[in-house]
Amino acid sequence: MKSKLFASTALALVLSAGAAFAGPTATITDAGDSNVSTVTQNAGVSAATDATITQRDASSVNQAYITQAGAGENNGTIDQAGAANYANVSQDDVGGSVGSVSLSSTVDVKQDGNDIANVTQGGGHHHDALITQGGAAGSNRADVSQNGNNIYAYIDQVGDGNYANFNQSGSSVAASAWQSGSLNQAYVTQTGAGFEYLEVTQAGTAGLVSASQGGDMDSVFLYQSGEANTINVAQTGNFDTASVSQTGKQDLASVTQSGLSNSATVTQTGLVDSATVTQSGASNTATITQDGGELASISQSGSNGMATVSQAGLGGGNVAYVTQSASNVNATVLQPGATNLASVNQLNNAFAVANITQSGVGGTATINQ
């Protein structure tokens, strides 16, 4: 018989300061062993703070903390079931109202397993963070920090040993992460001026995603389902789009965008592929497709450029380099076979067009315009 250590600290401290709306409401429901639940609410102007903690396992060591302060319409909900879960929600000076418009913040955490979640929402208004974690072996962890206006975060982890870290500030940014594999890591940083969107999906094993957005109207779509794949994305420009899909093993993709209205697409399905895209110009398009052992690099600093690299290694070893710094240039490289090398260098040529096609073994092609 497991010893009963019923140490449920169900503490709900509510301080209301002349709220214009309904006062704070705190509800704690514990059913099990060694649960610790704490709710602290300090409602200032335009109160309507609400907190709900529910821990649902008869033999668990769950802990949940909710702290909410200032200026109206904060909401926090934690629902935990399983063993050794931990959730921490902190909201400070979010919400409030401007005129007759309600400015609110909401946190919703639900965990089933050996999971850990931390959510911190700072100044600003209209924050929303939703975390759902579950898995047979558990040990998933999610950390979310939000400070700004109109910020949204959604994390769903159902595998084992996954970790998601969101750091969001600025205005009108949204990020989501779905991790259903094991030992995956996703690090997301958003500091944009407005309307930044980032989506991460990892269904493989030991995947790593590091993505940052600091511009305006940028979007990122990342997917990994293989093993030990890595994606690095950095956006500091405006109206840029990056899409990366990796389903192989030990693949690496890096996308850096600092220009305007650029588009980058990377698809890798093989073993030990490497793709790099750097865009600092305007209205450029880069596409890389590889299926095993290849290396491709595209650099675009002009405008209205188009570069496409498609490599089917049939054993690997193909290499392609494309550099474009002029306007209205077009480069296409297609290398089926093994150990091919192609280099396209188009500089200061307003209407350059280059096409390289290699089928065979050991071919080398170089175009410089």
Protein backbone atom coordinates (compact mmCIF):
# COMPACT_ATOMS: atom_id res chain seq x y z
CA MET A 1 0.00 0.00 0.00
CA LYS A 2 1.47 3.28 -1.11
CA SER A 3 1.81 5.65 1.82
CA LYS A 4 -0.55 8.58 1.82
CA LEU A 5 1.25 11.91 1.72
CA PHE A 6 -1.80 14.02 1.06
CA ALA A 7 -0.07 17.42 0.97
CA SER A 8 -2.53 19.30 -1.19
CA THR A 9 -1.83 22.93 -0.53
CA ALA A 10 -5.05 24.18 -2.14
CA LEU A 11 -4.33 27.86 -1.56
CA ALA A 12 -6.44 30.43 -3.38
CA LEU A 13 -5.46 33.99 -2.49
CA VAL A 14 -7.72 36.52 -4.17
CA LEU A 15 -7.17 40.25 -3.86
CA SER A 16 -9.71 42.43 -5.62
CA ALA A 17 -9.23 46.18 -5.98
CA GLY A 18 -12.45 47.84 -7.02
CA ALA A 19 -13.05 45.80 -10.16
CA ALA A 20 -15.41 47.18 -12.72
CA PHE A 21 -16.45 43.67 -13.80
CA ALA A 22 -17.01 40.35 -12.04
CA GLY A 23 -14.36 39.62 -9.44
CA PRO A 24 -11.71 36.89 -9.51
CA THR A 25 -12.85 33.25 -9.28
CA ALA A 26 -10.54 30.37 -8.28
CA THR A 27 -11.55 26.67 -8.30
CA ILE A 28 -9.21 23.86 -7.20
CA THR A 29 -10.14 20.17 -7.36
CA ASP A 30 -7.65 17.55 -6.12
CA ALA A 31 -8.17 13.77 -6.07
CA GLY A 32 -4.99 11.91 -5.24
CA ASP A 33 -1.76 11.93 -3.29
CA SER A 34 0.90 14.62 -2.90
CA ASN A 35 -0.86 17.20 -5.07
CA VAL A 36 0.12 20.84 -4.60
CA SER A 37 -2.19 23.51 -6.02
CA THR A 38 -1.71 27.24 -5.59
CA VAL A 39 -3.73 30.09 -7.12
CA THR A 40 -2.80 33.72 -6.51
CA GLN A 41 -4.85 36.45 -8.17
CA ASN A 42 -4.48 40.20 -7.79
CA ALA A 43 -7.10 41.88 -9.94
CA GLY A 44 -6.69 45.54 -10.68
CA VAL A 45 -8.69 47.68 -13.08
CA SER A 46 -11.35 45.84 -15.09
CA ALA A 47 -11.18 42.65 -13.03
CA ALA A 48 -12.59 39.34 -14.30
CA THR A 49 -9.64 37.12 -13.49
CA ASP A 50 -10.45 33.40 -13.43
CA ALA A 51 -8.29 30.37 -12.50
CA THR A 52 -9.17 26.64 -12.48
CA ILE A 53 -6.85 23.81 -11.40
CA THR A 54 -7.90 20.14 -11.68
CA GLN A 55 -5.55 17.25 -10.89
CA ARG A 56 -7.09 13.88 -11.64
CA ASP A 57 -4.95 10.92 -10.59
CA ALA A 58 -5.32 8.93 -7.37
CA SER A 59 -1.60 8.13 -7.12
CA SER A 60 0.22 11.13 -8.51
CA VAL A 61 2.73 13.78 -7.49
CA ASN A 62 1.18 16.62 -9.50
CA GLN A 63 1.88 20.30 -8.89
CA ALA A 64 0.15 23.32 -10.41
CA TYR A 65 0.71 27.05 -9.77
CA ILE A 66 -1.26 29.91 -11.26
CA THR A 67 -0.35 33.54 -10.52
CA GLN A 68 -2.35 36.34 -12.18
CA ALA A 69 -2.06 40.09 -11.62
CA GLY A 70 -3.40 43.26 -13.30
CA ALA A 71 -5.54 44.57 -15.45
CA GLY A 72 -8.49 42.37 -16.19
CA GLU A 73 -9.81 39.27 -17.98
CA ASN A 74 -6.91 36.93 -17.26
CA ASN A 75 -7.81 33.23 -17.46
CA GLY A 76 -5.78 30.19 -16.41
CA THR A 77 -6.82 26.51 -16.61
CA ILE A 78 -4.65 23.51 -15.66
CA ASP A 79 -5.84 19.89 -15.97
CA GLN A 80 -3.35 17.17 -15.02
CA ALA A 81 -3.54 13.37 -14.85
CA GLY A 82 -0.69 10.91 -14.39
CA ALA A 83 2.48 10.92 -12.35
CA ALA A 84 4.89 13.73 -11.48
CA ASN A 85 3.27 16.39 -13.66
CA TYR A 86 4.17 20.03 -13.13
CA ALA A 87 2.53 23.15 -14.54
CA ASN A 88 3.32 26.79 -13.81
CA VAL A 89 1.30 29.71 -15.20
CA SER A 90 2.16 33.34 -14.49
CA GLN A 91 0.34 36.35 -15.97
CA ASP A 92 1.34 39.90 -15.12
CA ASP A 93 -0.25 43.11 -16.37
CA VAL A 94 -2.00 41.52 -19.31
CA GLY A 95 -5.59 42.08 -20.28
CA GLY A 96 -7.39 45.24 -19.35
CA SER A 97 -9.52 47.35 -21.65
CA VAL A 98 -9.29 50.21 -24.08
CA GLY A 99 -12.53 52.08 -24.26
CA SER A 100 -15.25 49.44 -24.52
CA VAL A 101 -12.91 46.84 -26.10
CA SER A 102 -11.96 43.98 -23.80
CA LEU A 103 -8.31 42.95 -23.83
CA SER A 104 -7.85 39.45 -22.44
CA SER A 105 -5.28 36.71 -21.88
CA THR A 106 -5.88 32.96 -21.62
CA VAL A 107 -3.71 30.00 -20.63
CA ASP A 108 -4.91 26.39 -20.95
CA VAL A 109 -2.61 23.53 -19.88
CA LYS A 110 -3.59 19.87 -19.95
CA GLN A 111 -1.08 17.11 -19.19
CA ASP A 112 -1.29 13.32 -19.07
CA GLY A 113 2.03 11.74 -18.12
CA ASN A 114 5.38 12.79 -16.65
CA ASP A 115 5.22 16.26 -18.18
CA ILE A 116 6.38 19.78 -17.26
CA ALA A 117 4.88 23.04 -18.52
CA ASN A 118 5.80 26.65 -17.76
CA VAL A 119 3.90 29.63 -19.15
CA THR A 120 4.74 33.28 -18.49
CA GLN A 121 2.76 36.14 -20.01
CA GLY A 122 3.97 39.67 -19.44
CA GLY A 123 2.78 43.09 -20.50
CA GLY A 124 0.47 43.75 -23.40
CA HIS A 125 -2.91 42.33 -24.31
CA HIS A 126 -4.59 39.41 -26.06
CA HIS A 127 -2.19 36.62 -25.14
CA ASP A 128 -3.20 33.02 -25.68
CA ALA A 129 -1.13 29.94 -24.79
CA LEU A 130 -2.45 26.38 -25.12
CA ILE A 131 -0.34 23.39 -24.09
CA THR A 132 -1.44 19.75 -24.32
CA GLN A 133 1.01 17.03 -23.38
CA GLY A 134 0.61 13.28 -23.14
CA GLY A 135 2.61 10.12 -23.68
CA ALA A 136 3.04 6.65 -22.25
CA ALA A 137 6.54 7.34 -21.02
CA GLY A 138 5.96 11.05 -20.57
CA SER A 139 8.87 13.36 -19.75
CA ASN A 140 7.72 16.02 -22.22
CA ARG A 141 8.42 19.66 -21.40
CA ALA A 142 7.10 22.96 -22.73
CA ASP A 143 8.12 26.53 -21.87
CA VAL A 144 6.28 29.58 -23.20
CA SER A 145 7.12 33.24 -22.58
CA GLN A 146 4.94 35.98 -24.08
CA ASN A 147 5.27 39.75 -23.87
CA GLY A 148 3.46 42.01 -26.30
CA ASN A 149 0.13 42.29 -28.07
CA ASN A 150 -1.94 39.69 -29.92
CA ILE A 151 0.35 36.73 -29.28
CA TYR A 152 -0.69 33.11 -29.76
CA ALA A 153 1.13 29.88 -28.88
CA TYR A 154 -0.02 26.28 -29.24
CA ILE A 155 2.06 23.25 -28.22
CA ASP A 156 0.90 19.63 -28.50
CA GLN A 157 3.31 16.88 -27.48
CA VAL A 158 2.27 13.23 -27.28
CA GLY A 159 5.60 11.45 -27.65
CA ASP A 160 8.40 10.86 -25.16
CA GLY A 161 11.16 13.23 -24.11
CA ASN A 162 10.12 16.10 -26.39
CA TYR A 163 10.86 19.74 -25.56
CA ALA A 164 9.32 22.92 -26.95
CA ASN A 165 10.47 26.43 -26.05
CA PHE A 166 8.59 29.52 -27.28
CA ASN A 167 9.82 33.06 -26.67
CA GLN A 168 7.37 35.53 -28.17
CA SER A 169 7.28 39.32 -28.09
CA GLY A 170 6.23 42.12 -30.35
CA SER A 171 2.82 42.32 -31.96
CA SER A 172 0.52 39.88 -33.79
CA VAL A 173 2.71 36.77 -33.78
CA ALA A 174 1.60 33.15 -33.73
CA ALA A 175 3.49 29.87 -33.38
CA SER A 176 2.51 26.24 -33.07
CA ALA A 177 4.41 23.01 -32.48
CA TRP A 178 3.17 19.43 -32.88
CA GLN A 179 5.64 16.82 -31.65
CA SER A 180 4.49 13.21 -31.71
CA GLY A 181 7.86 11.46 -31.94
CA SER A 182 10.52 11.16 -29.27
CA LEU A 183 13.46 13.26 -28.12
CA ASN A 184 12.54 16.12 -30.45
CA GLN A 185 13.39 19.74 -29.64
CA ALA A 186 11.82 22.92 -30.98
CA TYR A 187 13.11 26.41 -30.15
CA VAL A 188 11.02 29.30 -31.45
CA THR A 189 11.71 33.03 -31.07
CA GLN A 190 9.35 35.67 -32.45
CA THR A 191 10.04 39.40 -32.07
CA GLY A 192 8.35 40.71 -35.19
CA ALA A 193 6.44 43.91 -35.70
CA GLY A 194 3.32 42.12 -36.85
CA PHE A 195 1.64 39.08 -38.39
CA GLU A 196 4.44 36.56 -38.03
CA TYR A 197 3.40 32.89 -38.31
CA LEU A 198 5.49 29.81 -37.58
CA GLU A 199 4.47 26.15 -37.62
CA VAL A 200 6.59 23.17 -36.52
CA THR A 201 5.69 19.49 -36.90
CA GLN A 202 8.03 16.74 -35.75
CA ALA A 203 7.00 13.09 -35.89
CA GLY A 204 10.43 11.45 -35.95
CA THR A 205 13.20 10.88 -33.44
CA ALA A 206 15.84 13.30 -32.12
CA GLY A 207 14.84 16.11 -34.46
CA LEU A 208 16.01 19.66 -33.78
CA VAL A 209 14.34 22.88 -34.91
CA SER A 210 15.64 26.37 -34.23
CA ALA A 211 13.58 29.15 -35.79
CA SER A 212 13.44 32.90 -35.29
CA GLN A 213 11.31 35.65 -36.81
CA GLY A 214 11.99 39.36 -36.43
CA GLY A 215 10.36 40.97 -39.42
CA ASP A 216 6.84 41.64 -40.60
CA MET A 217 4.34 39.36 -42.38
CA ASP A 218 6.74 36.39 -42.51
CA SER A 219 5.70 32.74 -42.43
CA VAL A 220 7.53 29.46 -41.71
CA PHE A 221 6.36 25.86 -42.20
CA LEU A 222 8.64 23.09 -40.89
CA TYR A 223 8.14 19.32 -40.96
CA GLN A 224 10.40 16.45 -39.86
CA SER A 225 9.60 12.76 -39.59
CA GLY A 226 12.98 11.06 -39.95
CA GLU A 227 15.79 10.62 -37.47
CA ALA A 228 18.31 13.16 -36.14
CA ASN A 229 17.35 15.84 -38.66
CA THR A 230 18.07 19.54 -38.04
CA ILE A 231 16.37 22.71 -39.32
CA ASN A 232 17.62 26.27 -38.76
CA VAL A 233 15.52 29.20 -39.96
CA ALA A 234 16.09 32.92 -39.38
CA GLN A 235 13.81 35.61 -40.82
CA THR A 236 14.46 39.33 -40.34
CA GLY A 237 12.90 40.62 -43.55
CA ASN A 238 9.31 41.25 -44.53
CA PHE A 239 6.78 39.10 -46.41
CA ASP A 240 9.23 36.18 -46.59
CA THR A 241 8.16 32.51 -46.68
CA ALA A 242 10.20 29.44 -45.74
CA SER A 243 9.08 25.83 -46.06
CA VAL A 244 11.24 22.85 -45.08
CA SER A 245 10.37 19.14 -45.13
CA GLN A 246 12.82 16.44 -44.03
CA THR A 247 11.91 12.77 -43.85
CA GLY A 248 15.36 11.18 -44.08
CA LYS A 249 18.13 10.72 -41.55
CA GLN A 250 20.75 13.19 -40.33
CA ASP A 251 19.64 15.83 -42.82
CA LEU A 252 20.45 19.52 -42.30
CA ALA A 253 18.56 22.51 -43.69
CA SER A 254 19.36 26.18 -43.06
CA VAL A 255 17.32 29.11 -44.36
CA THR A 256 18.23 32.77 -43.77
CA GLN A 257 15.96 35.50 -45.14
CA SER A 258 16.58 39.21 -44.63
CA GLY A 259 15.04 40.70 -47.76
CA LEU A 260 11.54 41.32 -49.03
CA SER A 261 8.96 38.87 -50.40
CA ASN A 262 11.42 35.99 -50.79
CA SER A 263 10.42 32.33 -50.92
CA ALA A 264 12.51 29.28 -49.98
CA THR A 265 11.48 25.62 -50.23
CA VAL A 266 13.66 22.70 -49.12
CA THR A 267 12.69 19.03 -49.41
CA GLN A 268 15.10 16.32 -48.28
CA THR A 269 14.25 12.62 -48.11
CA GLY A 270 17.62 10.89 -48.07
CA LEU A 271 20.55 10.29 -45.77
CA VAL A 272 22.94 13.06 -44.66
CA ASP A 273 21.65 15.75 -47.03
CA SER A 274 22.64 19.38 -46.51
CA ALA A 275 20.80 22.40 -47.90
CA THR A 276 21.50 26.10 -47.36
CA VAL A 277 19.42 29.03 -48.64
CA THR A 278 20.39 32.66 -48.09
CA GLN A 279 18.14 35.43 -49.42
CA SER A 280 18.77 39.12 -48.88
CA GLY A 281 17.21 40.58 -52.01
CA ALA A 282 13.58 40.95 -53.04
CA SER A 283 11.05 38.62 -54.69
CA ASN A 284 13.51 35.76 -55.09
CA THR A 285 12.55 32.08 -55.22
CA ALA A 286 14.80 29.20 -54.18
CA THR A 287 13.92 25.48 -54.36
CA ILE A 288 16.12 22.59 -53.26
CA THR A 289 15.14 18.91 -53.56
CA GLN A 290 17.53 16.14 -52.46
CA ASP A 291 17.16 12.45 -51.70
CA GLY A 292 20.49 11.24 -50.33
CA GLY A 293 24.03 12.39 -49.55
CA GLU A 294 23.91 15.66 -51.49
CA LEU A 295 24.92 19.21 -50.70
CA ALA A 296 23.20 22.27 -52.16
CA SER A 297 23.68 25.98 -51.51
CA ILE A 298 21.68 28.87 -52.97
CA SER A 299 22.49 32.53 -52.30
CA GLN A 300 20.32 35.32 -53.71
CA SER A 301 20.92 39.02 -53.12
CA GLY A 302 19.32 40.54 -56.22
CA SER A 303 15.66 40.72 -57.14
CA ASN A 304 13.22 38.53 -59.06
CA GLY A 305 15.74 35.70 -59.19
CA MET A 306 14.82 32.03 -59.48
CA ALA A 307 17.06 29.10 -58.55
CA THR A 308 16.16 25.40 -58.58
CA VAL A 309 18.41 22.53 -57.50
CA SER A 310 17.20 18.93 -57.82
CA GLN A 311 19.64 16.17 -56.91
CA ALA A 312 19.03 12.43 -56.87
CA GLY A 313 22.33 11.01 -55.75
CA LEU A 314 21.70 7.31 -56.35
CA GLY A 315 24.30 6.71 -53.69
CA GLY A 316 25.10 10.34 -52.92
CA GLY A 317 27.94 12.76 -53.53
CA ASN A 318 26.37 15.46 -55.73
CA VAL A 319 27.23 19.09 -54.96
CA ALA A 320 25.56 22.24 -56.31
CA TYR A 321 26.31 25.92 -55.65
CA VAL A 322 24.17 28.76 -57.00
CA THR A 323 24.91 32.45 -56.37
CA GLN A 324 22.72 35.23 -57.77
CA SER A 325 23.23 38.92 -57.03
CA ALA A 326 21.63 40.49 -60.10
CA SER A 327 18.01 40.94 -61.09
CA ASN A 328 15.78 38.74 -63.27
CA VAL A 329 18.18 35.78 -63.30
CA ASN A 330 17.25 32.11 -63.61
CA ALA A 331 19.34 29.06 -62.72
CA THR A 332 18.33 25.37 -62.85
CA VAL A 333 20.57 22.46 -61.81
CA LEU A 334 19.55 18.81 -62.18
CA GLN A 335 22.08 16.13 -61.26
CA PRO A 336 21.01 12.49 -61.22
CA GLY A 337 23.94 10.16 -60.70
CA ALA A 338 26.95 10.22 -58.40
CA THR A 339 29.81 12.60 -57.53
CA ASN A 340 28.67 15.40 -59.87
CA LEU A 341 29.65 19.00 -59.17
CA ALA A 342 27.84 22.06 -60.53
CA SER A 343 28.61 25.71 -59.80
CA VAL A 344 26.48 28.58 -61.17
CA ASN A 345 27.67 32.10 -60.51
CA GLN A 346 25.56 34.89 -62.00
CA LEU A 347 26.70 38.34 -60.91
CA ASN A 348 25.61 41.74 -62.21
CA ASN A 349 23.81 40.36 -65.23
CA ALA A 350 20.25 41.56 -65.52
CA PHE A 351 19.02 38.79 -67.84
CA ALA A 352 21.28 35.81 -67.19
CA VAL A 353 19.90 32.28 -67.62
CA ALA A 354 21.84 29.14 -66.70
CA ASN A 355 20.82 25.47 -66.99
CA ILE A 356 23.00 22.56 -65.87
CA THR A 357 21.94 18.95 -66.38
CA GLN A 358 24.30 16.10 -65.53
CA SER A 359 23.56 12.37 -65.83
CA GLY A 360 26.46 10.08 -65.18
CA VAL A 361 29.50 9.73 -62.98
CA GLY A 362 32.14 12.33 -62.13
CA GLY A 363 30.88 15.22 -64.25
CA THR A 364 31.78 18.84 -63.51
CA ALA A 365 29.99 21.92 -64.88
CA THR A 366 30.67 25.60 -64.13
CA ILE A 367 28.79 28.63 -65.43
CA ASN A 368 29.90 32.17 -64.60
CA GLN A 369 28.02 35.08 -66.18
